[in-house]
Each structure stands twice: as C-alpha cells, then as structure tokens.
C-alpha cells in the first residue's frame, strides 16, 4: 500500500540580476516551465576565500544579466590594462 500526502515544494519562478534587479528569464520561459532550476542563461560570479585571507570563510554568489556581466567584464579588462596586464 502506498500512502501519499500533499507537501509544499519550493520552485524557482524567476531569476533576477543581483546588480540591476532585472529578470534574466524571458517571459516565454516563465510561461512554459514550472521550475526554472535548470535555467542557466545568465552570468554567475562566485568567490570563496580560504584560510589566511582577510576574508577567510567569506563566500559570494551573484547572478548577473548579460548587460551587467558585460559591464563587469569591461571593468576587469580596464583594471588589467591599468595594471599593465595583457587582456
């Protein structure tokens, strides 16, 4: 015999840019997918600091839209040029 019960399940219904707040998911995706857990068409910045760092144990995770990711990438390229590093 199988015993069943209704249990609430959290699903991802939208993904917003951590920099500008805009959604990164096109409306047609939201309308045709019940869970956006597998949606990965956006930029992710993740950093974790280890032992000995001034930020030991800190971890950061940012989801970014294409526009904000490009702006971040351009800023990194600018910093590399400022410091005399090849891009």
C-alpha atoms as a PDB file:
ATOM      1  CA  UNK A   1       0.000   0.000   0.000  1.00  0.00           C
ATOM      2  CA  UNK A   2       1.248   3.484  -0.885  1.00  0.00           C
ATOM      3  CA  UNK A   3       0.427   6.329   1.413  1.00  0.00           C
ATOM      4  CA  UNK A   4       0.505   9.767  -0.147  1.00  0.00           C
ATOM      5  CA  UNK A   5       0.431  13.280   1.185  1.00  0.00           C
ATOM      6  CA  UNK A   6       0.461  16.703  -0.377  1.00  0.00           C
ATOM      7  CA  UNK A   7       3.646  18.550   0.550  1.00  0.00           C
ATOM      8  CA  UNK A   8       4.646  22.047  -0.475  1.00  0.00           C
ATOM      9  CA  UNK A   9       7.617  22.224  -2.825  1.00  0.00           C
ATOM     10  CA  UNK A  10       9.577  25.405  -3.497  1.00  0.00           C
ATOM     11  CA  UNK A  11      10.297  26.049  -7.157  1.00  0.00           C
ATOM     12  CA  UNK A  12      12.284  28.826  -8.808  1.00  0.00           C
ATOM     13  CA  UNK A  13       9.834  31.073 -10.640  1.00  0.00           C
ATOM     14  CA  UNK A  14      12.218  33.865 -11.654  1.00  0.00           C
ATOM     15  CA  UNK A  15      15.903  34.793 -11.519  1.00  0.00           C
ATOM     16  CA  UNK A  16      16.825  38.452 -11.112  1.00  0.00           C
ATOM     17  CA  UNK A  17      20.136  40.218 -11.643  1.00  0.00           C
ATOM     18  CA  UNK A  18      21.837  40.996  -8.336  1.00  0.00           C
ATOM     19  CA  UNK A  19      23.220  44.250  -9.793  1.00  0.00           C
ATOM     20  CA  UNK A  20      20.254  45.905 -11.545  1.00  0.00           C
ATOM     21  CA  UNK A  21      17.286  43.804 -10.407  1.00  0.00           C
ATOM     22  CA  UNK A  22      16.074  42.963 -13.914  1.00  0.00           C
ATOM     23  CA  UNK A  23      14.791  39.488 -14.651  1.00  0.00           C
ATOM     24  CA  UNK A  24      17.184  37.311 -16.648  1.00  0.00           C
ATOM     25  CA  UNK A  25      14.424  34.905 -17.754  1.00  0.00           C
ATOM     26  CA  UNK A  26      12.433  35.640 -20.925  1.00  0.00           C
ATOM     27  CA  UNK A  27       8.633  35.670 -20.421  1.00  0.00           C
ATOM     28  CA  UNK A  28       8.091  32.665 -22.736  1.00  0.00           C
ATOM     29  CA  UNK A  29      10.389  30.605 -20.480  1.00  0.00           C
ATOM     30  CA  UNK A  30       8.408  31.624 -17.398  1.00  0.00           C
ATOM     31  CA  UNK A  31       5.155  30.686 -19.113  1.00  0.00           C
ATOM     32  CA  UNK A  32       6.301  27.235 -20.295  1.00  0.00           C
ATOM     33  CA  UNK A  33       8.444  25.994 -17.409  1.00  0.00           C
ATOM     34  CA  UNK A  34       7.120  25.106 -13.996  1.00  0.00           C
ATOM     35  CA  UNK A  35      10.567  25.285 -12.377  1.00  0.00           C
ATOM     36  CA  UNK A  36      13.476  27.412 -13.588  1.00  0.00           C
ATOM     37  CA  UNK A  37      16.006  25.420 -11.549  1.00  0.00           C
ATOM     38  CA  UNK A  38      17.821  24.235 -14.707  1.00  0.00           C
ATOM     39  CA  UNK A  39      17.771  27.644 -16.413  1.00  0.00           C
ATOM     40  CA  UNK A  40      21.349  28.824 -16.851  1.00  0.00           C
ATOM     41  CA  UNK A  41      21.334  31.547 -19.497  1.00  0.00           C
ATOM     42  CA  UNK A  42      22.862  34.237 -17.289  1.00  0.00           C
ATOM     43  CA  UNK A  43      26.236  35.094 -15.804  1.00  0.00           C
ATOM     44  CA  UNK A  44      27.304  33.903 -12.367  1.00  0.00           C
ATOM     45  CA  UNK A  45      30.084  35.373 -10.260  1.00  0.00           C
ATOM     46  CA  UNK A  46      31.166  33.198  -7.348  1.00  0.00           C
ATOM     47  CA  UNK A  47      34.052  33.734  -4.964  1.00  0.00           C
ATOM     48  CA  UNK A  48      35.117  31.855  -1.831  1.00  0.00           C
ATOM     49  CA  UNK A  49      38.001  32.901   0.372  1.00  0.00           C
ATOM     50  CA  UNK A  50      40.128  30.385   2.225  1.00  0.00           C
ATOM     51  CA  UNK A  51      42.414  30.154   5.200  1.00  0.00           C
ATOM     52  CA  UNK A  52      44.805  33.066   5.651  1.00  0.00           C
ATOM     53  CA  UNK A  53      42.782  35.557   3.646  1.00  0.00           C
ATOM     54  CA  UNK A  54      41.472  38.782   5.194  1.00  0.00           C
ATOM     55  CA  UNK A  55      38.039  37.471   4.165  1.00  0.00           C
ATOM     56  CA  UNK A  56      38.640  33.941   5.465  1.00  0.00           C
ATOM     57  CA  UNK A  57      35.451  31.905   5.146  1.00  0.00           C
ATOM     58  CA  UNK A  58      33.532  34.539   3.185  1.00  0.00           C
ATOM     59  CA  UNK A  59      31.635  33.347   0.148  1.00  0.00           C
ATOM     60  CA  UNK A  60      29.897  35.432  -2.501  1.00  0.00           C
ATOM     61  CA  UNK A  61      27.422  34.449  -5.239  1.00  0.00           C
ATOM     62  CA  UNK A  62      25.936  36.884  -7.739  1.00  0.00           C
ATOM     63  CA  UNK A  63      23.548  36.171 -10.618  1.00  0.00           C
ATOM     64  CA  UNK A  64      24.002  38.783 -13.360  1.00  0.00           C
ATOM     65  CA  UNK A  65      22.080  39.704 -16.511  1.00  0.00           C
ATOM     66  CA  UNK A  66      24.075  39.847 -19.738  1.00  0.00           C
ATOM     67  CA  UNK A  67      24.309  43.657 -19.652  1.00  0.00           C
ATOM     68  CA  UNK A  68      25.671  43.811 -16.096  1.00  0.00           C
ATOM     69  CA  UNK A  69      28.006  40.873 -16.716  1.00  0.00           C
ATOM     70  CA  UNK A  70      29.406  42.655 -19.779  1.00  0.00           C
ATOM     71  CA  UNK A  71      29.901  45.850 -17.732  1.00  0.00           C
ATOM     72  CA  UNK A  72      31.745  43.833 -15.071  1.00  0.00           C
ATOM     73  CA  UNK A  73      33.881  42.154 -17.725  1.00  0.00           C
ATOM     74  CA  UNK A  74      34.726  45.546 -19.261  1.00  0.00           C
ATOM     75  CA  UNK A  75      35.715  46.829 -15.796  1.00  0.00           C
ATOM     76  CA  UNK A  76      38.032  43.846 -15.236  1.00  0.00           C
ATOM     77  CA  UNK A  77      39.613  44.428 -18.652  1.00  0.00           C
ATOM     78  CA  UNK A  78      40.086  48.094 -17.727  1.00  0.00           C
ATOM     79  CA  UNK A  79      41.759  47.145 -14.427  1.00  0.00           C
ATOM     80  CA  UNK A  80      44.066  44.712 -16.244  1.00  0.00           C
ATOM     81  CA  UNK A  81      45.078  47.444 -18.687  1.00  0.00           C
ATOM     82  CA  UNK A  82      45.624  49.915 -15.831  1.00  0.00           C
ATOM     83  CA  UNK A  83      47.945  47.419 -14.121  1.00  0.00           C
ATOM     84  CA  UNK A  84      49.797  46.648 -17.365  1.00  0.00           C
ATOM     85  CA  UNK A  85      48.444  43.109 -17.762  1.00  0.00           C
ATOM     86  CA  UNK A  86      47.507  41.599 -21.110  1.00  0.00           C
ATOM     87  CA  UNK A  87      43.781  41.131 -21.687  1.00  0.00           C
END
